[in-house]
Amino acid sequence: MELSNLNIKNGLCISLGANIDSKFGSPLESLLICKPKIEEIINEWGDSFKKRKEEKSKFHANFFWSSIYETLPHGVENEQPNYLNTLLLIKSNSFPKSSNKNAKLLLKELKKLERFFGREETPKGKKWLSRCLDLDILWWEDLIIVDEELTLPHPRFVNRNFVITPLSEVLTKEQKIKKIQDKRWSTD
């Protein structure tokens, strides 16, 4: 699938990676345990905005997960174990308004989850260290943020095979589901 032909800035996209054990076990076990926790975070985050607006309906999102891929560490100087990576694309008609503040509220929750799994803060000036859990927001709709805390869309995701491969898979799944739904709606 040609990336340039895709509307990739639709929805919210989060990448997950791990290459060392967390307090929950191996990188594979960590990712498998983490997946429902991220869905819960997204649902609670979305519901919190609905409650503020006093809307009675619950936040609803569709979660499109990629398979888990094993990839070589990227950009590292010292030897590290291979990473396991997966990607989540979230589609919703009821996202909170995409804004710097709302994106950072979500990022804060994702960073809490990383710490819950045992990730330690990366020392200043260090990059690409081994991680028991690494969560990155790749994009959220057409939101653009550039500051020390968060840059959206993620500046290097289109150059990372550990993102592009699972992204292609997820977008293919999402497009197939959309075609099935469109056919179902047109025959009703």
N, C-alpha and C. Protein backbone atom coordinates (compact mmCIF):
# COMPACT_ATOMS: atom_id res chain seq x y z
N MET A 1 0.85 -1.18 0.00
CA MET A 1 0.00 0.00 0.00
C MET A 1 0.89 1.24 0.00
N GLU A 2 0.64 2.13 -0.90
CA GLU A 2 1.42 3.36 -1.05
C GLU A 2 1.00 4.36 0.02
N LEU A 3 1.93 4.75 0.89
CA LEU A 3 1.62 5.65 2.00
C LEU A 3 1.12 7.00 1.52
N SER A 4 1.67 7.51 0.45
CA SER A 4 1.28 8.83 -0.03
C SER A 4 -0.18 8.88 -0.49
N ASN A 5 -0.77 7.72 -0.78
CA ASN A 5 -2.16 7.68 -1.23
C ASN A 5 -3.15 7.59 -0.07
N LEU A 6 -2.66 7.57 1.15
CA LEU A 6 -3.53 7.36 2.30
C LEU A 6 -3.84 8.65 3.02
N ASN A 7 -5.05 8.74 3.53
CA ASN A 7 -5.41 9.85 4.39
C ASN A 7 -5.03 9.45 5.81
N ILE A 8 -3.79 9.67 6.18
CA ILE A 8 -3.30 9.17 7.47
C ILE A 8 -3.57 10.12 8.62
N LYS A 9 -4.03 11.32 8.32
CA LYS A 9 -4.26 12.26 9.40
C LYS A 9 -5.73 12.27 9.82
N ASN A 10 -6.34 11.11 9.77
CA ASN A 10 -7.73 10.98 10.17
C ASN A 10 -7.73 10.12 11.43
N GLY A 11 -8.29 10.61 12.50
CA GLY A 11 -8.33 9.84 13.73
C GLY A 11 -7.17 10.19 14.64
N LEU A 12 -6.90 9.28 15.55
CA LEU A 12 -5.83 9.40 16.54
C LEU A 12 -4.99 8.14 16.41
N CYS A 13 -3.68 8.30 16.37
CA CYS A 13 -2.80 7.15 16.18
C CYS A 13 -1.73 7.12 17.27
N ILE A 14 -1.55 5.95 17.88
CA ILE A 14 -0.58 5.76 18.96
C ILE A 14 0.29 4.56 18.61
N SER A 15 1.61 4.72 18.77
CA SER A 15 2.51 3.58 18.58
C SER A 15 2.94 3.06 19.95
N LEU A 16 3.17 1.75 20.01
CA LEU A 16 3.62 1.09 21.23
C LEU A 16 4.85 0.28 20.90
N GLY A 17 5.83 0.31 21.79
CA GLY A 17 7.02 -0.49 21.60
C GLY A 17 7.60 -0.91 22.94
N ALA A 18 8.36 -2.00 22.92
CA ALA A 18 9.05 -2.49 24.12
C ALA A 18 10.18 -3.41 23.69
N ASN A 19 11.31 -3.32 24.39
CA ASN A 19 12.38 -4.26 24.08
C ASN A 19 13.07 -4.84 25.32
N ILE A 20 12.59 -4.49 26.50
CA ILE A 20 13.08 -5.12 27.74
C ILE A 20 11.87 -5.44 28.62
N ASP A 21 12.09 -6.32 29.58
CA ASP A 21 11.01 -6.73 30.47
C ASP A 21 10.47 -5.56 31.28
N SER A 22 9.17 -5.60 31.53
CA SER A 22 8.52 -4.65 32.43
C SER A 22 8.18 -5.41 33.71
N LYS A 23 7.51 -4.75 34.62
CA LYS A 23 7.11 -5.45 35.84
C LYS A 23 6.03 -6.50 35.55
N PHE A 24 5.49 -6.51 34.32
CA PHE A 24 4.48 -7.49 33.94
C PHE A 24 5.05 -8.64 33.12
N GLY A 25 6.35 -8.59 32.83
CA GLY A 25 6.95 -9.70 32.10
C GLY A 25 7.68 -9.24 30.85
N SER A 26 7.73 -10.12 29.88
CA SER A 26 8.48 -9.89 28.64
C SER A 26 7.85 -8.74 27.84
N PRO A 27 8.58 -8.24 26.84
CA PRO A 27 7.98 -7.21 25.98
C PRO A 27 6.65 -7.65 25.37
N LEU A 28 6.54 -8.90 24.94
CA LEU A 28 5.28 -9.39 24.38
C LEU A 28 4.17 -9.35 25.43
N GLU A 29 4.45 -9.87 26.62
CA GLU A 29 3.45 -9.84 27.68
C GLU A 29 3.05 -8.40 28.02
N SER A 30 4.03 -7.51 28.04
CA SER A 30 3.76 -6.10 28.34
C SER A 30 2.82 -5.48 27.32
N LEU A 31 3.09 -5.71 26.03
CA LEU A 31 2.22 -5.14 25.00
C LEU A 31 0.82 -5.73 25.07
N LEU A 32 0.71 -7.02 25.30
CA LEU A 32 -0.61 -7.66 25.37
C LEU A 32 -1.40 -7.15 26.57
N ILE A 33 -0.74 -6.92 27.69
CA ILE A 33 -1.41 -6.38 28.88
C ILE A 33 -1.76 -4.91 28.68
N CYS A 34 -0.91 -4.21 27.97
CA CYS A 34 -1.07 -2.77 27.77
C CYS A 34 -2.24 -2.42 26.85
N LYS A 35 -2.49 -3.25 25.86
CA LYS A 35 -3.51 -2.92 24.85
C LYS A 35 -4.88 -2.58 25.44
N PRO A 36 -5.47 -3.41 26.29
CA PRO A 36 -6.78 -3.03 26.85
C PRO A 36 -6.69 -1.82 27.78
N LYS A 37 -5.55 -1.64 28.41
CA LYS A 37 -5.37 -0.47 29.29
C LYS A 37 -5.39 0.82 28.47
N ILE A 38 -4.81 0.80 27.28
CA ILE A 38 -4.83 1.99 26.43
C ILE A 38 -6.27 2.27 25.96
N GLU A 39 -7.00 1.23 25.60
CA GLU A 39 -8.40 1.43 25.20
C GLU A 39 -9.20 2.04 26.35
N GLU A 40 -8.93 1.56 27.55
CA GLU A 40 -9.61 2.11 28.74
C GLU A 40 -9.25 3.59 28.94
N ILE A 41 -7.98 3.92 28.79
CA ILE A 41 -7.54 5.32 28.92
C ILE A 41 -8.24 6.19 27.89
N ILE A 42 -8.28 5.73 26.63
CA ILE A 42 -8.92 6.51 25.57
C ILE A 42 -10.40 6.71 25.87
N ASN A 43 -11.08 5.65 26.30
CA ASN A 43 -12.51 5.76 26.61
C ASN A 43 -12.77 6.70 27.78
N GLU A 44 -11.94 6.61 28.83
CA GLU A 44 -12.10 7.51 29.98
C GLU A 44 -11.80 8.96 29.58
N TRP A 45 -10.78 9.15 28.78
CA TRP A 45 -10.40 10.48 28.29
C TRP A 45 -11.56 11.07 27.49
N GLY A 46 -12.12 10.29 26.58
CA GLY A 46 -13.24 10.76 25.78
C GLY A 46 -14.48 11.03 26.62
N ASP A 47 -14.77 10.13 27.58
CA ASP A 47 -15.93 10.32 28.45
C ASP A 47 -15.79 11.56 29.32
N SER A 48 -14.57 11.87 29.74
CA SER A 48 -14.38 13.04 30.62
C SER A 48 -14.80 14.33 29.91
N PHE A 49 -14.62 14.40 28.60
CA PHE A 49 -15.03 15.59 27.85
C PHE A 49 -16.53 15.62 27.66
N LYS A 50 -17.13 14.45 27.49
CA LYS A 50 -18.58 14.37 27.35
C LYS A 50 -19.25 14.86 28.65
N LYS A 51 -18.68 14.45 29.80
CA LYS A 51 -19.25 14.84 31.09
C LYS A 51 -19.15 16.35 31.28
N ARG A 52 -18.04 16.94 30.85
CA ARG A 52 -17.88 18.39 30.98
C ARG A 52 -18.93 19.13 30.18
N LYS A 53 -19.31 18.58 29.05
CA LYS A 53 -20.33 19.21 28.21
C LYS A 53 -21.74 18.77 28.62
N GLU A 54 -21.82 17.93 29.66
CA GLU A 54 -23.09 17.41 30.17
C GLU A 54 -23.87 16.64 29.11
N GLU A 55 -23.14 16.00 28.23
CA GLU A 55 -23.77 15.13 27.24
C GLU A 55 -24.06 13.79 27.89
N LYS A 56 -25.20 13.23 27.57
CA LYS A 56 -25.60 11.97 28.21
C LYS A 56 -25.03 10.76 27.50
N SER A 57 -24.70 10.90 26.22
CA SER A 57 -24.16 9.74 25.50
C SER A 57 -22.71 9.50 25.90
N LYS A 58 -22.33 8.24 25.84
CA LYS A 58 -20.95 7.88 26.16
C LYS A 58 -20.07 8.09 24.93
N PHE A 59 -18.80 8.34 25.19
CA PHE A 59 -17.81 8.43 24.13
C PHE A 59 -17.74 7.07 23.45
N HIS A 60 -17.68 7.07 22.15
CA HIS A 60 -17.56 5.80 21.40
C HIS A 60 -16.39 5.91 20.42
N ALA A 61 -15.55 4.90 20.43
CA ALA A 61 -14.41 4.86 19.51
C ALA A 61 -14.28 3.46 18.93
N ASN A 62 -13.73 3.40 17.72
CA ASN A 62 -13.36 2.13 17.11
C ASN A 62 -11.84 2.02 17.20
N PHE A 63 -11.38 0.87 17.68
CA PHE A 63 -9.95 0.64 17.87
C PHE A 63 -9.46 -0.35 16.82
N PHE A 64 -8.48 0.08 16.04
CA PHE A 64 -7.88 -0.76 15.00
C PHE A 64 -6.43 -1.04 15.40
N TRP A 65 -6.16 -2.28 15.80
CA TRP A 65 -4.82 -2.68 16.24
C TRP A 65 -4.08 -3.39 15.11
N SER A 66 -2.80 -3.12 15.02
CA SER A 66 -1.96 -3.89 14.10
C SER A 66 -1.51 -5.16 14.80
N SER A 67 -0.91 -6.04 14.04
CA SER A 67 -0.21 -7.18 14.61
C SER A 67 0.99 -6.64 15.38
N ILE A 68 1.67 -7.52 16.09
CA ILE A 68 2.90 -7.14 16.78
C ILE A 68 4.06 -7.54 15.89
N TYR A 69 4.96 -6.60 15.66
CA TYR A 69 6.11 -6.80 14.77
C TYR A 69 7.41 -6.74 15.57
N GLU A 70 8.36 -7.58 15.20
CA GLU A 70 9.70 -7.51 15.79
C GLU A 70 10.57 -6.68 14.85
N THR A 71 11.25 -5.68 15.43
CA THR A 71 12.07 -4.78 14.62
C THR A 71 13.41 -4.53 15.30
N LEU A 72 14.38 -4.18 14.48
CA LEU A 72 15.69 -3.81 15.01
C LEU A 72 15.60 -2.46 15.71
N PRO A 73 16.40 -2.25 16.77
CA PRO A 73 16.43 -0.93 17.40
C PRO A 73 16.87 0.12 16.39
N HIS A 74 16.27 1.30 16.45
CA HIS A 74 16.56 2.35 15.48
C HIS A 74 17.44 3.43 16.10
N GLY A 75 18.53 3.78 15.43
CA GLY A 75 19.35 4.91 15.82
C GLY A 75 20.21 4.70 17.06
N VAL A 76 20.40 3.47 17.49
CA VAL A 76 21.13 3.22 18.73
C VAL A 76 22.62 3.06 18.48
N GLU A 77 23.41 3.46 19.49
CA GLU A 77 24.85 3.31 19.40
C GLU A 77 25.31 2.01 20.06
N ASN A 78 24.67 1.66 21.17
CA ASN A 78 25.01 0.43 21.89
C ASN A 78 24.05 -0.68 21.51
N GLU A 79 24.52 -1.91 21.66
CA GLU A 79 23.69 -3.05 21.31
C GLU A 79 22.48 -3.14 22.23
N GLN A 80 21.32 -3.42 21.64
CA GLN A 80 20.08 -3.57 22.39
C GLN A 80 19.30 -4.75 21.84
N PRO A 81 18.39 -5.29 22.66
CA PRO A 81 17.50 -6.34 22.13
C PRO A 81 16.56 -5.73 21.08
N ASN A 82 16.05 -6.58 20.20
CA ASN A 82 15.07 -6.12 19.22
C ASN A 82 13.80 -5.64 19.93
N TYR A 83 13.09 -4.76 19.25
CA TYR A 83 11.84 -4.23 19.77
C TYR A 83 10.67 -5.06 19.28
N LEU A 84 9.61 -5.05 20.05
CA LEU A 84 8.30 -5.47 19.59
C LEU A 84 7.48 -4.20 19.48
N ASN A 85 6.82 -4.02 18.35
CA ASN A 85 6.04 -2.81 18.09
C ASN A 85 4.65 -3.16 17.61
N THR A 86 3.71 -2.33 17.97
CA THR A 86 2.35 -2.42 17.46
C THR A 86 1.82 -1.00 17.34
N LEU A 87 0.69 -0.88 16.69
CA LEU A 87 0.15 0.44 16.43
C LEU A 87 -1.36 0.40 16.63
N LEU A 88 -1.91 1.49 17.13
CA LEU A 88 -3.34 1.62 17.34
C LEU A 88 -3.84 2.85 16.61
N LEU A 89 -4.84 2.64 15.76
CA LEU A 89 -5.54 3.74 15.11
C LEU A 89 -6.92 3.80 15.73
N ILE A 90 -7.30 4.97 16.21
CA ILE A 90 -8.58 5.16 16.87
C ILE A 90 -9.41 6.09 16.01
N LYS A 91 -10.62 5.67 15.69
CA LYS A 91 -11.56 6.49 14.93
C LYS A 91 -12.77 6.75 15.82
N SER A 92 -13.24 8.00 15.79
CA SER A 92 -14.41 8.35 16.57
C SER A 92 -15.07 9.59 15.99
N ASN A 93 -16.38 9.62 16.05
CA ASN A 93 -17.11 10.83 15.67
C ASN A 93 -17.32 11.74 16.87
N SER A 94 -16.83 11.30 18.03
CA SER A 94 -17.06 12.10 19.24
C SER A 94 -15.77 12.39 20.01
N PHE A 95 -14.65 12.52 19.29
CA PHE A 95 -13.42 12.92 19.95
C PHE A 95 -13.61 14.28 20.62
N PRO A 96 -12.87 14.51 21.70
CA PRO A 96 -12.81 15.87 22.22
C PRO A 96 -12.23 16.78 21.13
N LYS A 97 -12.43 18.07 21.25
CA LYS A 97 -11.87 19.02 20.29
C LYS A 97 -10.35 18.84 20.27
N SER A 98 -9.78 18.65 19.08
CA SER A 98 -8.33 18.48 19.00
C SER A 98 -7.67 19.82 19.34
N SER A 99 -6.88 19.80 20.39
CA SER A 99 -6.20 21.00 20.86
C SER A 99 -4.92 20.60 21.58
N ASN A 100 -4.04 21.56 21.73
CA ASN A 100 -2.79 21.36 22.46
C ASN A 100 -3.09 20.84 23.86
N LYS A 101 -4.00 21.48 24.56
CA LYS A 101 -4.33 21.11 25.93
C LYS A 101 -4.87 19.68 26.00
N ASN A 102 -5.81 19.33 25.13
CA ASN A 102 -6.41 18.00 25.16
C ASN A 102 -5.42 16.90 24.77
N ALA A 103 -4.54 17.18 23.82
CA ALA A 103 -3.51 16.21 23.43
C ALA A 103 -2.55 15.97 24.60
N LYS A 104 -2.20 17.04 25.30
CA LYS A 104 -1.27 16.89 26.44
C LYS A 104 -1.92 16.18 27.61
N LEU A 105 -3.24 16.31 27.76
CA LEU A 105 -3.93 15.52 28.79
C LEU A 105 -3.83 14.03 28.47
N LEU A 106 -4.00 13.68 27.21
CA LEU A 106 -3.86 12.28 26.81
C LEU A 106 -2.42 11.82 26.98
N LEU A 107 -1.46 12.63 26.55
CA LEU A 107 -0.05 12.28 26.70
C LEU A 107 0.30 12.02 28.17
N LYS A 108 -0.22 12.84 29.05
CA LYS A 108 0.02 12.68 30.49
C LYS A 108 -0.45 11.30 30.96
N GLU A 109 -1.62 10.88 30.48
CA GLU A 109 -2.15 9.55 30.85
C GLU A 109 -1.28 8.43 30.29
N LEU A 110 -0.81 8.60 29.06
CA LEU A 110 0.06 7.58 28.45
C LEU A 110 1.38 7.48 29.19
N LYS A 111 1.94 8.61 29.61
CA LYS A 111 3.20 8.61 30.37
C LYS A 111 3.01 7.95 31.73
N LYS A 112 1.84 8.16 32.35
CA LYS A 112 1.54 7.47 33.61
C LYS A 112 1.52 5.96 33.41
N LEU A 113 0.96 5.53 32.28
CA LEU A 113 0.91 4.10 31.98
C LEU A 113 2.33 3.55 31.79
N GLU A 114 3.19 4.29 31.09
CA GLU A 114 4.59 3.85 30.94
C GLU A 114 5.23 3.66 32.31
N ARG A 115 5.05 4.61 33.22
CA ARG A 115 5.64 4.50 34.56
C ARG A 115 5.04 3.32 35.33
N PHE A 116 3.74 3.07 35.16
CA PHE A 116 3.07 1.95 35.80
C PHE A 116 3.72 0.63 35.38
N PHE A 117 4.17 0.56 34.14
CA PHE A 117 4.84 -0.65 33.64
C PHE A 117 6.29 -0.73 34.08
N GLY A 118 6.82 0.36 34.64
CA GLY A 118 8.19 0.35 35.16
C GLY A 118 9.18 1.18 34.36
N ARG A 119 8.72 1.95 33.40
CA ARG A 119 9.65 2.78 32.62
C ARG A 119 10.19 3.90 33.49
N GLU A 120 11.49 4.06 33.40
CA GLU A 120 12.15 5.14 34.12
C GLU A 120 12.33 6.32 33.18
N GLU A 121 12.41 7.50 33.76
CA GLU A 121 12.58 8.71 32.96
C GLU A 121 13.92 8.67 32.21
N THR A 122 13.89 9.07 30.96
CA THR A 122 15.10 9.09 30.14
C THR A 122 15.97 10.26 30.57
N PRO A 123 17.25 10.01 30.87
CA PRO A 123 18.15 11.10 31.27
C PRO A 123 18.28 12.14 30.15
N LYS A 124 18.44 13.40 30.54
CA LYS A 124 18.62 14.49 29.56
C LYS A 124 19.77 14.16 28.62
N GLY A 125 19.56 14.44 27.34
CA GLY A 125 20.62 14.22 26.35
C GLY A 125 20.73 12.79 25.85
N LYS A 126 19.95 11.88 26.42
CA LYS A 126 19.99 10.48 25.99
C LYS A 126 18.78 10.20 25.10
N LYS A 127 19.01 9.43 24.05
CA LYS A 127 17.92 9.04 23.15
C LYS A 127 18.02 7.55 22.88
N TRP A 128 16.88 7.02 22.52
CA TRP A 128 16.78 5.66 22.01
C TRP A 128 17.40 4.61 22.94
N LEU A 129 17.08 4.73 24.22
CA LEU A 129 17.51 3.72 25.18
C LEU A 129 16.49 2.57 25.17
N SER A 130 16.90 1.41 25.70
CA SER A 130 15.97 0.30 25.83
C SER A 130 14.79 0.74 26.70
N ARG A 131 13.61 0.19 26.39
CA ARG A 131 12.40 0.61 27.11
C ARG A 131 11.51 -0.60 27.38
N CYS A 132 10.92 -0.59 28.57
CA CYS A 132 9.95 -1.64 28.88
C CYS A 132 8.59 -1.29 28.29
N LEU A 133 8.36 0.00 27.98
CA LEU A 133 7.15 0.42 27.29
C LEU A 133 7.40 1.83 26.75
N ASP A 134 7.12 2.02 25.49
CA ASP A 134 7.25 3.32 24.85
C ASP A 134 5.96 3.61 24.10
N LEU A 135 5.27 4.67 24.51
CA LEU A 135 4.01 5.06 23.89
C LEU A 135 4.17 6.44 23.27
N ASP A 136 3.84 6.55 22.00
CA ASP A 136 3.94 7.83 21.30
C ASP A 136 2.63 8.11 20.58
N ILE A 137 2.16 9.36 20.71
CA ILE A 137 1.05 9.80 19.88
C ILE A 137 1.67 10.21 18.55
N LEU A 138 1.23 9.60 17.47
CA LEU A 138 1.79 9.90 16.16
C LEU A 138 1.06 11.06 15.50
N TRP A 139 -0.24 11.08 15.61
CA TRP A 139 -1.02 12.21 15.13
C TRP A 139 -2.41 12.16 15.75
N TRP A 140 -3.07 13.29 15.71
CA TRP A 140 -4.47 13.39 16.13
C TRP A 140 -5.15 14.37 15.19
N GLU A 141 -5.96 13.81 14.31
CA GLU A 141 -6.64 14.60 13.28
C GLU A 141 -5.61 15.48 12.56
N ASP A 142 -5.92 16.76 12.39
CA ASP A 142 -5.00 17.68 11.72
C ASP A 142 -4.25 18.56 12.71
N LEU A 143 -4.21 18.15 13.96
CA LEU A 143 -3.57 18.96 15.00
C LEU A 143 -2.07 19.07 14.77
N ILE A 144 -1.55 20.28 14.88
CA ILE A 144 -0.12 20.53 14.77
C ILE A 144 0.35 21.16 16.07
N ILE A 145 1.33 20.52 16.71
CA ILE A 145 1.94 21.03 17.94
C ILE A 145 3.44 20.87 17.79
N VAL A 146 4.18 21.89 18.15
CA VAL A 146 5.64 21.79 18.16
C VAL A 146 6.12 22.48 19.43
N ASP A 147 6.48 21.69 20.42
CA ASP A 147 7.11 22.23 21.63
C ASP A 147 7.93 21.14 22.29
N GLU A 148 8.53 21.44 23.44
CA GLU A 148 9.41 20.48 24.11
C GLU A 148 8.70 19.22 24.56
N GLU A 149 7.44 19.37 24.94
CA GLU A 149 6.70 18.25 25.51
C GLU A 149 6.10 17.32 24.46
N LEU A 150 5.64 17.90 23.35
CA LEU A 150 4.92 17.11 22.36
C LEU A 150 5.03 17.74 20.99
N THR A 151 5.29 16.92 19.98
CA THR A 151 5.28 17.37 18.60
C THR A 151 4.32 16.47 17.82
N LEU A 152 3.30 17.10 17.23
CA LEU A 152 2.32 16.38 16.42
C LEU A 152 2.18 17.09 15.08
N PRO A 153 2.08 16.34 14.00
CA PRO A 153 2.31 14.89 13.95
C PRO A 153 3.76 14.57 14.33
N HIS A 154 3.96 13.35 14.79
CA HIS A 154 5.31 12.92 15.19
C HIS A 154 6.25 13.17 14.01
N PRO A 155 7.36 13.87 14.25
CA PRO A 155 8.18 14.35 13.13
C PRO A 155 8.87 13.27 12.30
N ARG A 156 9.05 12.08 12.83
CA ARG A 156 9.81 11.09 12.09
C ARG A 156 9.04 9.80 11.79
N PHE A 157 7.74 9.78 12.06
CA PHE A 157 7.04 8.50 11.93
C PHE A 157 7.03 7.97 10.50
N VAL A 158 7.01 8.84 9.49
CA VAL A 158 6.97 8.34 8.11
C VAL A 158 8.30 7.72 7.68
N ASN A 159 9.35 7.91 8.49
CA ASN A 159 10.66 7.33 8.18
C ASN A 159 10.96 6.08 9.00
N ARG A 160 10.00 5.61 9.74
CA ARG A 160 10.23 4.47 10.63
C ARG A 160 9.45 3.25 10.15
N ASN A 161 10.17 2.22 9.73
CA ASN A 161 9.49 1.00 9.29
C ASN A 161 8.67 0.37 10.39
N PHE A 162 9.10 0.55 11.66
CA PHE A 162 8.35 -0.04 12.77
C PHE A 162 7.01 0.66 12.98
N VAL A 163 6.80 1.79 12.30
CA VAL A 163 5.50 2.47 12.29
C VAL A 163 4.79 2.21 10.96
N ILE A 164 5.50 2.35 9.86
CA ILE A 164 4.89 2.27 8.53
C ILE A 164 4.30 0.89 8.25
N THR A 165 5.00 -0.17 8.61
CA THR A 165 4.50 -1.52 8.35
C THR A 165 3.19 -1.78 9.11
N PRO A 166 3.16 -1.56 10.44
CA PRO A 166 1.87 -1.78 11.12
C PRO A 166 0.80 -0.78 10.68
N LEU A 167 1.19 0.43 10.34
CA LEU A 167 0.23 1.43 9.86
C LEU A 167 -0.44 0.97 8.57
N SER A 168 0.34 0.46 7.66
CA SER A 168 -0.24 -0.05 6.40
C SER A 168 -1.25 -1.17 6.68
N GLU A 169 -0.90 -2.05 7.61
CA GLU A 169 -1.81 -3.14 7.97
C GLU A 169 -3.11 -2.60 8.55
N VAL A 170 -3.00 -1.66 9.48
CA VAL A 170 -4.19 -1.11 10.15
C VAL A 170 -5.07 -0.36 9.17
N LEU A 171 -4.47 0.43 8.31
CA LEU A 171 -5.26 1.20 7.34
C LEU A 171 -5.95 0.29 6.35
N THR A 172 -5.30 -0.80 5.98
CA THR A 172 -5.93 -1.78 5.10
C THR A 172 -7.14 -2.40 5.79
N LYS A 173 -6.99 -2.79 7.06
CA LYS A 173 -8.11 -3.36 7.83
C LYS A 173 -9.25 -2.36 7.92
N GLU A 174 -8.91 -1.13 8.27
CA GLU A 174 -9.92 -0.09 8.46
C GLU A 174 -10.67 0.17 7.16
N GLN A 175 -9.97 0.18 6.04
CA GLN A 175 -10.62 0.41 4.74
C GLN A 175 -11.54 -0.75 4.37
N LYS A 176 -11.13 -1.98 4.67
CA LYS A 176 -11.97 -3.14 4.39
C LYS A 176 -13.25 -3.10 5.22
N ILE A 177 -13.11 -2.75 6.50
CA ILE A 177 -14.28 -2.66 7.37
C ILE A 177 -15.22 -1.57 6.89
N LYS A 178 -14.66 -0.44 6.48
CA LYS A 178 -15.47 0.67 5.98
C LYS A 178 -16.25 0.24 4.73
N LYS A 179 -15.61 -0.50 3.82
CA LYS A 179 -16.30 -0.97 2.62
C LYS A 179 -17.44 -1.91 2.99
N ILE A 180 -17.22 -2.79 3.94
CA ILE A 180 -18.26 -3.71 4.38
C ILE A 180 -19.42 -2.93 4.99
N GLN A 181 -19.10 -1.95 5.83
CA GLN A 181 -20.15 -1.13 6.45
C GLN A 181 -20.92 -0.33 5.40
N ASP A 182 -20.19 0.23 4.43
CA ASP A 182 -20.85 0.99 3.37
C ASP A 182 -21.82 0.11 2.59
N LYS A 183 -21.40 -1.13 2.29
CA LYS A 183 -22.28 -2.06 1.57
C LYS A 183 -23.50 -2.39 2.41
N ARG A 184 -23.28 -2.61 3.72
CA ARG A 184 -24.38 -2.95 4.61
C ARG A 184 -25.38 -1.81 4.68
N TRP A 185 -24.89 -0.58 4.77
CA TRP A 185 -25.77 0.58 4.88
C TRP A 185 -26.53 0.80 3.57
N SER A 186 -25.87 0.53 2.44
CA SER A 186 -26.53 0.77 1.16
C SER A 186 -27.62 -0.27 0.85
N THR A 187 -27.56 -1.43 1.48
CA THR A 187 -28.57 -2.46 1.24
C THR A 187 -29.71 -2.41 2.24
N ASP A 188 -29.58 -1.62 3.29
CA ASP A 188 -30.65 -1.50 4.30
C ASP A 188 -31.77 -0.64 3.82
